[in-house]
Amino acid sequence: MRWLVGAIFVLVISLFTGMGLLAYAMYDLLGVMLLSRKLADNWSAHLSASREMNCDQVKIGDTVAVVITLENKSQLPVPWLLLEDLLPRRAMIHLPPNLQGIG
């Protein structure tokens, strides 16, 4: 938000002082900021992730396969994405841990 206010402030000052090149640069900066905000909102609204396991109940020592599916429901591709899947903290604080992650 501070960047937006600062860019608008510099734009107004440059228009009043007649600095056309600086005003053009601020128009470009504001356009890039608004476009990136719109694209980020669109990408985050249309992404969904789901987690599936190969069994519902397991015994101690069994191995469970977990598959994570990420779906983009938008027509726009997402150029970069960071997806993290974490084990719960309470499962990892004991010695030995209640759960052990492989891979």
PDB file of N, CA and C in Angstrom:
ATOM      1  N   MET A   1       0.833  -1.194   0.000  1.00  0.00           N
ATOM      2  CA  MET A   1       0.000   0.000   0.000  1.00  0.00           C
ATOM      3  C   MET A   1       0.873   1.251   0.000  1.00  0.00           C
ATOM      4  N   ARG A   2       1.997   1.202   0.719  1.00  0.00           N
ATOM      5  CA  ARG A   2       2.879   2.368   0.761  1.00  0.00           C
ATOM      6  C   ARG A   2       3.473   2.665  -0.613  1.00  0.00           C
ATOM      7  N   TRP A   3       3.766   1.578  -1.375  1.00  0.00           N
ATOM      8  CA  TRP A   3       4.309   1.774  -2.718  1.00  0.00           C
ATOM      9  C   TRP A   3       3.297   2.474  -3.609  1.00  0.00           C
ATOM     10  N   LEU A   4       2.048   2.110  -3.481  1.00  0.00           N
ATOM     11  CA  LEU A   4       1.003   2.723  -4.295  1.00  0.00           C
ATOM     12  C   LEU A   4       0.850   4.199  -3.961  1.00  0.00           C
ATOM     13  N   VAL A   5       0.815   4.528  -2.683  1.00  0.00           N
ATOM     14  CA  VAL A   5       0.693   5.926  -2.257  1.00  0.00           C
ATOM     15  C   VAL A   5       1.925   6.714  -2.697  1.00  0.00           C
ATOM     16  N   GLY A   6       3.103   6.128  -2.554  1.00  0.00           N
ATOM     17  CA  GLY A   6       4.330   6.805  -2.975  1.00  0.00           C
ATOM     18  C   GLY A   6       4.371   7.045  -4.470  1.00  0.00           C
ATOM     19  N   ALA A   7       3.945   6.076  -5.257  1.00  0.00           N
ATOM     20  CA  ALA A   7       3.934   6.228  -6.713  1.00  0.00           C
ATOM     21  C   ALA A   7       2.933   7.296  -7.139  1.00  0.00           C
ATOM     22  N   ILE A   8       1.779   7.330  -6.514  1.00  0.00           N
ATOM     23  CA  ILE A   8       0.790   8.364  -6.831  1.00  0.00           C
ATOM     24  C   ILE A   8       1.315   9.736  -6.441  1.00  0.00           C
ATOM     25  N   PHE A   9       1.981   9.843  -5.297  1.00  0.00           N
ATOM     26  CA  PHE A   9       2.551  11.116  -4.844  1.00  0.00           C
ATOM     27  C   PHE A   9       3.610  11.608  -5.837  1.00  0.00           C
ATOM     28  N   VAL A  10       4.509  10.730  -6.252  1.00  0.00           N
ATOM     29  CA  VAL A  10       5.547  11.113  -7.216  1.00  0.00           C
ATOM     30  C   VAL A  10       4.917  11.468  -8.556  1.00  0.00           C
ATOM     31  N   LEU A  11       3.849  10.784  -8.952  1.00  0.00           N
ATOM     32  CA  LEU A  11       3.152  11.086 -10.200  1.00  0.00           C
ATOM     33  C   LEU A  11       2.557  12.492 -10.158  1.00  0.00           C
ATOM     34  N   VAL A  12       1.900  12.826  -9.058  1.00  0.00           N
ATOM     35  CA  VAL A  12       1.290  14.156  -8.939  1.00  0.00           C
ATOM     36  C   VAL A  12       2.370  15.237  -8.951  1.00  0.00           C
ATOM     37  N   ILE A  13       3.447  15.045  -8.217  1.00  0.00           N
ATOM     38  CA  ILE A  13       4.535  16.015  -8.182  1.00  0.00           C
ATOM     39  C   ILE A  13       5.146  16.176  -9.574  1.00  0.00           C
ATOM     40  N   SER A  14       5.349  15.058 -10.280  1.00  0.00           N
ATOM     41  CA  SER A  14       5.961  15.144 -11.608  1.00  0.00           C
ATOM     42  C   SER A  14       5.035  15.824 -12.613  1.00  0.00           C
ATOM     43  N   LEU A  15       3.726  15.665 -12.465  1.00  0.00           N
ATOM     44  CA  LEU A  15       2.800  16.352 -13.366  1.00  0.00           C
ATOM     45  C   LEU A  15       2.793  17.857 -13.116  1.00  0.00           C
ATOM     46  N   PHE A  16       2.868  18.261 -11.846  1.00  0.00           N
ATOM     47  CA  PHE A  16       2.875  19.689 -11.527  1.00  0.00           C
ATOM     48  C   PHE A  16       4.185  20.365 -11.904  1.00  0.00           C
ATOM     49  N   THR A  17       5.288  19.667 -11.859  1.00  0.00           N
ATOM     50  CA  THR A  17       6.582  20.273 -12.173  1.00  0.00           C
ATOM     51  C   THR A  17       6.965  20.112 -13.641  1.00  0.00           C
ATOM     52  N   GLY A  18       6.166  19.392 -14.424  1.00  0.00           N
ATOM     53  CA  GLY A  18       6.421  19.257 -15.843  1.00  0.00           C
ATOM     54  C   GLY A  18       7.461  18.209 -16.199  1.00  0.00           C
ATOM     55  N   MET A  19       7.706  17.255 -15.333  1.00  0.00           N
ATOM     56  CA  MET A  19       8.663  16.174 -15.613  1.00  0.00           C
ATOM     57  C   MET A  19       7.923  15.030 -16.309  1.00  0.00           C
ATOM     58  N   GLY A  20       7.855  15.106 -17.624  1.00  0.00           N
ATOM     59  CA  GLY A  20       7.068  14.146 -18.398  1.00  0.00           C
ATOM     60  C   GLY A  20       7.604  12.730 -18.333  1.00  0.00           C
ATOM     61  N   LEU A  21       8.930  12.586 -18.364  1.00  0.00           N
ATOM     62  CA  LEU A  21       9.511  11.241 -18.342  1.00  0.00           C
ATOM     63  C   LEU A  21       9.271  10.553 -16.993  1.00  0.00           C
ATOM     64  N   LEU A  22       9.375  11.306 -15.916  1.00  0.00           N
ATOM     65  CA  LEU A  22       9.097  10.733 -14.588  1.00  0.00           C
ATOM     66  C   LEU A  22       7.616  10.377 -14.457  1.00  0.00           C
ATOM     67  N   ALA A  23       6.738  11.220 -15.010  1.00  0.00           N
ATOM     68  CA  ALA A  23       5.304  10.911 -14.976  1.00  0.00           C
ATOM     69  C   ALA A  23       5.018   9.635 -15.755  1.00  0.00           C
ATOM     70  N   TYR A  24       5.651   9.478 -16.901  1.00  0.00           N
ATOM     71  CA  TYR A  24       5.480   8.256 -17.696  1.00  0.00           C
ATOM     72  C   TYR A  24       5.965   7.031 -16.921  1.00  0.00           C
ATOM     73  N   ALA A  25       7.096   7.166 -16.237  1.00  0.00           N
ATOM     74  CA  ALA A  25       7.618   6.053 -15.440  1.00  0.00           C
ATOM     75  C   ALA A  25       6.652   5.689 -14.313  1.00  0.00           C
ATOM     76  N   MET A  26       6.033   6.681 -13.700  1.00  0.00           N
ATOM     77  CA  MET A  26       5.079   6.406 -12.618  1.00  0.00           C
ATOM     78  C   MET A  26       3.804   5.773 -13.163  1.00  0.00           C
ATOM     79  N   TYR A  27       3.368   6.173 -14.365  1.00  0.00           N
ATOM     80  CA  TYR A  27       2.224   5.506 -14.994  1.00  0.00           C
ATOM     81  C   TYR A  27       2.542   4.028 -15.221  1.00  0.00           C
ATOM     82  N   ASP A  28       3.735   3.773 -15.725  1.00  0.00           N
ATOM     83  CA  ASP A  28       4.132   2.382 -15.940  1.00  0.00           C
ATOM     84  C   ASP A  28       4.204   1.608 -14.627  1.00  0.00           C
ATOM     85  N   LEU A  29       4.793   2.208 -13.614  1.00  0.00           N
ATOM     86  CA  LEU A  29       4.896   1.544 -12.312  1.00  0.00           C
ATOM     87  C   LEU A  29       3.518   1.243 -11.739  1.00  0.00           C
ATOM     88  N   LEU A  30       2.613   2.207 -11.804  1.00  0.00           N
ATOM     89  CA  LEU A  30       1.254   1.978 -11.294  1.00  0.00           C
ATOM     90  C   LEU A  30       0.543   0.884 -12.093  1.00  0.00           C
ATOM     91  N   GLY A  31       0.744   0.867 -13.410  1.00  0.00           N
ATOM     92  CA  GLY A  31       0.131  -0.179 -14.235  1.00  0.00           C
ATOM     93  C   GLY A  31       0.645  -1.562 -13.882  1.00  0.00           C
ATOM     94  N   VAL A  32       1.953  -1.679 -13.701  1.00  0.00           N
ATOM     95  CA  VAL A  32       2.542  -2.977 -13.330  1.00  0.00           C
ATOM     96  C   VAL A  32       2.059  -3.410 -11.954  1.00  0.00           C
ATOM     97  N   MET A  33       1.976  -2.473 -11.004  1.00  0.00           N
ATOM     98  CA  MET A  33       1.516  -2.814  -9.655  1.00  0.00           C
ATOM     99  C   MET A  33       0.069  -3.291  -9.661  1.00  0.00           C
ATOM    100  N   LEU A  34      -0.790  -2.587 -10.390  1.00  0.00           N
ATOM    101  CA  LEU A  34      -2.205  -2.977 -10.421  1.00  0.00           C
ATOM    102  C   LEU A  34      -2.406  -4.286 -11.183  1.00  0.00           C
ATOM    103  N   LEU A  35      -1.674  -4.474 -12.275  1.00  0.00           N
ATOM    104  CA  LEU A  35      -1.782  -5.722 -13.034  1.00  0.00           C
ATOM    105  C   LEU A  35      -1.290  -6.918 -12.219  1.00  0.00           C
ATOM    106  N   SER A  36      -0.175  -6.759 -11.524  1.00  0.00           N
ATOM    107  CA  SER A  36       0.346  -7.871 -10.728  1.00  0.00           C
ATOM    108  C   SER A  36      -0.594  -8.201  -9.562  1.00  0.00           C
ATOM    109  N   ARG A  37      -1.216  -7.191  -8.966  1.00  0.00           N
ATOM    110  CA  ARG A  37      -2.186  -7.435  -7.891  1.00  0.00           C
ATOM    111  C   ARG A  37      -3.396  -8.207  -8.423  1.00  0.00           C
ATOM    112  N   LYS A  38      -3.893  -7.794  -9.584  1.00  0.00           N
ATOM    113  CA  LYS A  38      -5.051  -8.463 -10.191  1.00  0.00           C
ATOM    114  C   LYS A  38      -4.723  -9.915 -10.550  1.00  0.00           C
ATOM    115  N   LEU A  39      -3.549 -10.145 -11.144  1.00  0.00           N
ATOM    116  CA  LEU A  39      -3.163 -11.511 -11.508  1.00  0.00           C
ATOM    117  C   LEU A  39      -2.960 -12.385 -10.271  1.00  0.00           C
ATOM    118  N   ALA A  40      -2.340 -11.847  -9.234  1.00  0.00           N
ATOM    119  CA  ALA A  40      -2.132 -12.630  -8.013  1.00  0.00           C
ATOM    120  C   ALA A  40      -3.463 -12.998  -7.353  1.00  0.00           C
ATOM    121  N   ASP A  41      -4.404 -12.053  -7.334  1.00  0.00           N
ATOM    122  CA  ASP A  41      -5.729 -12.365  -6.786  1.00  0.00           C
ATOM    123  C   ASP A  41      -6.435 -13.433  -7.613  1.00  0.00           C
ATOM    124  N   ASN A  42      -6.325 -13.354  -8.914  1.00  0.00           N
ATOM    125  CA  ASN A  42      -6.953 -14.341  -9.799  1.00  0.00           C
ATOM    126  C   ASN A  42      -6.328 -15.719  -9.596  1.00  0.00           C
ATOM    127  N   TRP A  43      -5.012 -15.783  -9.535  1.00  0.00           N
ATOM    128  CA  TRP A  43      -4.338 -17.069  -9.359  1.00  0.00           C
ATOM    129  C   TRP A  43      -4.694 -17.708  -8.029  1.00  0.00           C
ATOM    130  N   SER A  44      -4.685 -16.927  -6.960  1.00  0.00           N
ATOM    131  CA  SER A  44      -4.957 -17.519  -5.648  1.00  0.00           C
ATOM    132  C   SER A  44      -6.424 -17.912  -5.488  1.00  0.00           C
ATOM    133  N   ALA A  45      -7.325 -17.262  -6.195  1.00  0.00           N
ATOM    134  CA  ALA A  45      -8.751 -17.600  -6.082  1.00  0.00           C
ATOM    135  C   ALA A  45      -9.102 -18.871  -6.841  1.00  0.00           C
ATOM    136  N   HIS A  46      -8.320 -19.227  -7.856  1.00  0.00           N
ATOM    137  CA  HIS A  46      -8.674 -20.359  -8.692  1.00  0.00           C
ATOM    138  C   HIS A  46      -7.789 -21.587  -8.485  1.00  0.00           C
ATOM    139  N   LEU A  47      -6.945 -21.579  -7.483  1.00  0.00           N
ATOM    140  CA  LEU A  47      -6.116 -22.746  -7.182  1.00  0.00           C
ATOM    141  C   LEU A  47      -6.746 -23.547  -6.061  1.00  0.00           C
ATOM    142  N   SER A  48      -6.667 -24.861  -6.158  1.00  0.00           N
ATOM    143  CA  SER A  48      -7.135 -25.715  -5.072  1.00  0.00           C
ATOM    144  C   SER A  48      -6.185 -26.900  -4.940  1.00  0.00           C
ATOM    145  N   ALA A  49      -5.994 -27.335  -3.712  1.00  0.00           N
ATOM    146  CA  ALA A  49      -5.126 -28.477  -3.435  1.00  0.00           C
ATOM    147  C   ALA A  49      -5.905 -29.500  -2.624  1.00  0.00           C
ATOM    148  N   SER A  50      -5.650 -30.765  -2.904  1.00  0.00           N
ATOM    149  CA  SER A  50      -6.293 -31.835  -2.132  1.00  0.00           C
ATOM    150  C   SER A  50      -5.251 -32.897  -1.805  1.00  0.00           C
ATOM    151  N   ARG A  51      -5.477 -33.581  -0.699  1.00  0.00           N
ATOM    152  CA  ARG A  51      -4.564 -34.619  -0.232  1.00  0.00           C
ATOM    153  C   ARG A  51      -5.337 -35.927  -0.125  1.00  0.00           C
ATOM    154  N   GLU A  52      -4.782 -36.991  -0.686  1.00  0.00           N
ATOM    155  CA  GLU A  52      -5.417 -38.308  -0.631  1.00  0.00           C
ATOM    156  C   GLU A  52      -4.419 -39.319  -0.088  1.00  0.00           C
ATOM    157  N   MET A  53      -4.939 -40.255   0.700  1.00  0.00           N
ATOM    158  CA  MET A  53      -4.108 -41.340   1.240  1.00  0.00           C
ATOM    159  C   MET A  53      -4.643 -42.659   0.726  1.00  0.00           C
ATOM    160  N   ASN A  54      -3.777 -43.673   0.701  1.00  0.00           N
ATOM    161  CA  ASN A  54      -4.191 -44.950   0.143  1.00  0.00           C
ATOM    162  C   ASN A  54      -4.965 -45.816   1.135  1.00  0.00           C
ATOM    163  N   CYS A  55      -5.071 -45.414   2.402  1.00  0.00           N
ATOM    164  CA  CYS A  55      -5.871 -46.172   3.375  1.00  0.00           C
ATOM    165  C   CYS A  55      -6.341 -45.222   4.480  1.00  0.00           C
ATOM    166  N   ASP A  56      -7.455 -45.624   5.135  1.00  0.00           N
ATOM    167  CA  ASP A  56      -8.025 -44.786   6.183  1.00  0.00           C
ATOM    168  C   ASP A  56      -7.464 -45.103   7.564  1.00  0.00           C
ATOM    169  N   GLN A  57      -7.227 -46.376   7.835  1.00  0.00           N
ATOM    170  CA  GLN A  57      -6.705 -46.787   9.135  1.00  0.00           C
ATOM    171  C   GLN A  57      -5.426 -47.576   8.930  1.00  0.00           C
ATOM    172  N   VAL A  58      -4.444 -47.296   9.772  1.00  0.00           N
ATOM    173  CA  VAL A  58      -3.158 -47.986   9.675  1.00  0.00           C
ATOM    174  C   VAL A  58      -2.734 -48.456  11.058  1.00  0.00           C
ATOM    175  N   LYS A  59      -1.831 -49.419  11.076  1.00  0.00           N
ATOM    176  CA  LYS A  59      -1.271 -49.914  12.327  1.00  0.00           C
ATOM    177  C   LYS A  59       0.114 -49.319  12.516  1.00  0.00           C
ATOM    178  N   ILE A  60       0.632 -49.446  13.694  1.00  0.00           N
ATOM    179  CA  ILE A  60       1.962 -48.932  13.983  1.00  0.00           C
ATOM    180  C   ILE A  60       2.981 -49.633  13.099  1.00  0.00           C
ATOM    181  N   GLY A  61       3.809 -48.854  12.445  1.00  0.00           N
ATOM    182  CA  GLY A  61       4.834 -49.391  11.566  1.00  0.00           C
ATOM    183  C   GLY A  61       4.433 -49.489  10.115  1.00  0.00           C
ATOM    184  N   ASP A  62       3.148 -49.278   9.797  1.00  0.00           N
ATOM    185  CA  ASP A  62       2.690 -49.322   8.407  1.00  0.00           C
ATOM    186  C   ASP A  62       3.157 -48.076   7.654  1.00  0.00           C
ATOM    187  N   THR A  63       3.234 -48.209   6.361  1.00  0.00           N
ATOM    188  CA  THR A  63       3.603 -47.094   5.487  1.00  0.00           C
ATOM    189  C   THR A  63       2.370 -46.632   4.729  1.00  0.00           C
ATOM    190  N   VAL A  64       2.205 -45.327   4.650  1.00  0.00           N
ATOM    191  CA  VAL A  64       1.041 -44.739   3.983  1.00  0.00           C
ATOM    192  C   VAL A  64       1.539 -43.847   2.856  1.00  0.00           C
ATOM    193  N   ALA A  65       0.961 -44.004   1.675  1.00  0.00           N
ATOM    194  CA  ALA A  65       1.283 -43.131   0.543  1.00  0.00           C
ATOM    195  C   ALA A  65       0.310 -41.957   0.541  1.00  0.00           C
ATOM    196  N   VAL A  66       0.846 -40.754   0.439  1.00  0.00           N
ATOM    197  CA  VAL A  66       0.040 -39.534   0.400  1.00  0.00           C
ATOM    198  C   VAL A  66       0.257 -38.872  -0.954  1.00  0.00           C
ATOM    199  N   VAL A  67      -0.852 -38.593  -1.650  1.00  0.00           N
ATOM    200  CA  VAL A  67      -0.792 -37.954  -2.960  1.00  0.00           C
ATOM    201  C   VAL A  67      -1.442 -36.585  -2.845  1.00  0.00           C
ATOM    202  N   ILE A  68      -0.714 -35.560  -3.271  1.00  0.00           N
ATOM    203  CA  ILE A  68      -1.232 -34.190  -3.248  1.00  0.00           C
ATOM    204  C   ILE A  68      -1.530 -33.782  -4.683  1.00  0.00           C
ATOM    205  N   THR A  69      -2.763 -33.308  -4.909  1.00  0.00           N
ATOM    206  CA  THR A  69      -3.195 -32.890  -6.242  1.00  0.00           C
ATOM    207  C   THR A  69      -3.454 -31.392  -6.219  1.00  0.00           C
ATOM    208  N   LEU A  70      -2.826 -30.679  -7.124  1.00  0.00           N
ATOM    209  CA  LEU A  70      -3.008 -29.235  -7.260  1.00  0.00           C
ATOM    210  C   LEU A  70      -3.751 -28.972  -8.561  1.00  0.00           C
ATOM    211  N   GLU A  71      -4.835 -28.192  -8.483  1.00  0.00           N
ATOM    212  CA  GLU A  71      -5.672 -27.946  -9.655  1.00  0.00           C
ATOM    213  C   GLU A  71      -5.820 -26.447  -9.888  1.00  0.00           C
ATOM    214  N   ASN A  72      -5.586 -26.024 -11.114  1.00  0.00           N
ATOM    215  CA  ASN A  72      -5.772 -24.637 -11.528  1.00  0.00           C
ATOM    216  C   ASN A  72      -7.066 -24.561 -12.316  1.00  0.00           C
ATOM    217  N   LYS A  73      -8.100 -23.931 -11.764  1.00  0.00           N
ATOM    218  CA  LYS A  73      -9.409 -23.845 -12.414  1.00  0.00           C
ATOM    219  C   LYS A  73      -9.541 -22.613 -13.299  1.00  0.00           C
ATOM    220  N   SER A  74      -8.501 -21.825 -13.383  1.00  0.00           N
ATOM    221  CA  SER A  74      -8.504 -20.627 -14.213  1.00  0.00           C
ATOM    222  C   SER A  74      -7.979 -20.953 -15.602  1.00  0.00           C
ATOM    223  N   GLN A  75      -8.260 -20.078 -16.555  1.00  0.00           N
ATOM    224  CA  GLN A  75      -7.721 -20.258 -17.896  1.00  0.00           C
ATOM    225  C   GLN A  75      -6.314 -19.685 -18.006  1.00  0.00           C
ATOM    226  N   LEU A  76      -5.923 -18.878 -17.038  1.00  0.00           N
ATOM    227  CA  LEU A  76      -4.581 -18.308 -17.034  1.00  0.00           C
ATOM    228  C   LEU A  76      -3.610 -19.272 -16.367  1.00  0.00           C
ATOM    229  N   PRO A  77      -2.444 -19.495 -16.962  1.00  0.00           N
ATOM    230  CA  PRO A  77      -1.454 -20.349 -16.291  1.00  0.00           C
ATOM    231  C   PRO A  77      -0.785 -19.605 -15.141  1.00  0.00           C
ATOM    232  N   VAL A  78      -0.329 -20.353 -14.155  1.00  0.00           N
ATOM    233  CA  VAL A  78       0.397 -19.786 -13.022  1.00  0.00           C
ATOM    234  C   VAL A  78       1.889 -19.991 -13.293  1.00  0.00           C
ATOM    235  N   PRO A  79       2.650 -18.903 -13.497  1.00  0.00           N
ATOM    236  CA  PRO A  79       4.055 -19.076 -13.880  1.00  0.00           C
ATOM    237  C   PRO A  79       4.949 -19.590 -12.763  1.00  0.00           C
ATOM    238  N   TRP A  80       4.620 -19.327 -11.505  1.00  0.00           N
ATOM    239  CA  TRP A  80       5.415 -19.850 -10.403  1.00  0.00           C
ATOM    240  C   TRP A  80       4.489 -20.093  -9.218  1.00  0.00           C
ATOM    241  N   LEU A  81       4.864 -21.088  -8.433  1.00  0.00           N
ATOM    242  CA  LEU A  81       4.035 -21.462  -7.297  1.00  0.00           C
ATOM    243  C   LEU A  81       4.886 -22.222  -6.301  1.00  0.00           C
ATOM    244  N   LEU A  82       4.702 -21.942  -5.033  1.00  0.00           N
ATOM    245  CA  LEU A  82       5.371 -22.675  -3.969  1.00  0.00           C
ATOM    246  C   LEU A  82       4.284 -23.343  -3.134  1.00  0.00           C
ATOM    247  N   LEU A  83       4.315 -24.661  -3.085  1.00  0.00           N
ATOM    248  CA  LEU A  83       3.330 -25.433  -2.334  1.00  0.00           C
ATOM    249  C   LEU A  83       4.071 -26.258  -1.301  1.00  0.00           C
ATOM    250  N   GLU A  84       3.694 -26.119  -0.045  1.00  0.00           N
ATOM    251  CA  GLU A  84       4.328 -26.871   1.031  1.00  0.00           C
ATOM    252  C   GLU A  84       3.274 -27.692   1.751  1.00  0.00           C
ATOM    253  N   ASP A  85       3.613 -28.925   2.064  1.00  0.00           N
ATOM    254  CA  ASP A  85       2.756 -29.793   2.852  1.00  0.00           C
ATOM    255  C   ASP A  85       3.551 -30.210   4.077  1.00  0.00           C
ATOM    256  N   LEU A  86       3.050 -29.885   5.254  1.00  0.00           N
ATOM    257  CA  LEU A  86       3.792 -30.107   6.484  1.00  0.00           C
ATOM    258  C   LEU A  86       3.098 -31.132   7.375  1.00  0.00           C
ATOM    259  N   LEU A  87       3.894 -31.864   8.133  1.00  0.00           N
ATOM    260  CA  LEU A  87       3.345 -32.728   9.165  1.00  0.00           C
ATOM    261  C   LEU A  87       3.014 -31.871  10.377  1.00  0.00           C
ATOM    262  N   PRO A  88       2.009 -32.265  11.171  1.00  0.00           N
ATOM    263  CA  PRO A  88       1.673 -31.469  12.355  1.00  0.00           C
ATOM    264  C   PRO A  88       2.834 -31.441  13.349  1.00  0.00           C
ATOM    265  N   ARG A  89       2.988 -30.318  14.034  1.00  0.00           N
ATOM    266  CA  ARG A  89       4.082 -30.158  14.992  1.00  0.00           C
ATOM    267  C   ARG A  89       3.993 -31.178  16.119  1.00  0.00           C
ATOM    268  N   ARG A  90       2.791 -31.461  16.583  1.00  0.00           N
ATOM    269  CA  ARG A  90       2.641 -32.398  17.704  1.00  0.00           C
ATOM    270  C   ARG A  90       3.071 -33.818  17.337  1.00  0.00           C
ATOM    271  N   ALA A  91       3.129 -34.118  16.046  1.00  0.00           N
ATOM    272  CA  ALA A  91       3.558 -35.448  15.610  1.00  0.00           C
ATOM    273  C   ALA A  91       5.075 -35.568  15.545  1.00  0.00           C
ATOM    274  N   MET A  92       5.781 -34.447  15.606  1.00  0.00           N
ATOM    275  CA  MET A  92       7.228 -34.476  15.413  1.00  0.00           C
ATOM    276  C   MET A  92       8.030 -34.086  16.659  1.00  0.00           C
ATOM    277  N   ILE A  93       7.387 -33.684  17.771  1.00  0.00           N
ATOM    278  CA  ILE A  93       8.142 -33.152  18.906  1.00  0.00           C
ATOM    279  C   ILE A  93       8.651 -34.225  19.864  1.00  0.00           C
ATOM    280  N   HIS A  94       8.168 -35.441  19.776  1.00  0.00           N
ATOM    281  CA  HIS A  94       8.578 -36.488  20.705  1.00  0.00           C
ATOM    282  C   HIS A  94       9.819 -37.214  20.200  1.00  0.00           C
ATOM    283  N   LEU A  95      10.517 -37.834  21.098  1.00  0.00           N
ATOM    284  CA  LEU A  95      11.668 -38.679  20.732  1.00  0.00           C
ATOM    285  C   LEU A  95      11.344 -40.100  21.074  1.00  0.00           C
ATOM    286  N   PRO A  96      11.253 -41.028  20.200  1.00  0.00           N
ATOM    287  CA  PRO A  96      11.231 -40.876  18.743  1.00  0.00           C
ATOM    288  C   PRO A  96       9.939 -40.224  18.304  1.00  0.00           C
ATOM    289  N   PRO A  97       9.904 -39.605  17.139  1.00  0.00           N
ATOM    290  CA  PRO A  97       8.686 -38.920  16.688  1.00  0.00           C
ATOM    291  C   PRO A  97       7.552 -39.901  16.417  1.00  0.00           C
ATOM    292  N   ASN A  98       6.315 -39.410  16.584  1.00  0.00           N
ATOM    293  CA  ASN A  98       5.136 -40.244  16.313  1.00  0.00           C
ATOM    294  C   ASN A  98       5.031 -40.600  14.832  1.00  0.00           C
ATOM    295  N   LEU A  99       5.392 -39.667  13.978  1.00  0.00           N
ATOM    296  CA  LEU A  99       5.357 -39.883  12.534  1.00  0.00           C
ATOM    297  C   LEU A  99       6.746 -39.644  11.966  1.00  0.00           C
ATOM    298  N   GLN A 100       7.066 -40.380  10.930  1.00  0.00           N
ATOM    299  CA  GLN A 100       8.346 -40.185  10.270  1.00  0.00           C
ATOM    300  C   GLN A 100       8.077 -39.975   8.790  1.00  0.00           C
ATOM    301  N   GLY A 101       8.597 -38.884   8.241  1.00  0.00           N
ATOM    302  CA  GLY A 101       8.391 -38.577   6.840  1.00  0.00           C
ATOM    303  C   GLY A 101       9.536 -39.075   5.989  1.00  0.00           C
ATOM    304  N   ILE A 102       9.198 -39.680   4.866  1.00  0.00           N
ATOM    305  CA  ILE A 102      10.194 -40.140   3.903  1.00  0.00           C
ATOM    306  C   ILE A 102       9.849 -39.477   2.580  1.00  0.00           C
ATOM    307  N   GLY A 103      10.771 -38.738   2.029  1.00  0.00           N
ATOM    308  CA  GLY A 103      10.544 -38.101   0.729  1.00  0.00           C
ATOM    309  C   GLY A 103       9.863 -36.773   0.835  1.00  0.00           C
TER     310      GLY A 103
END
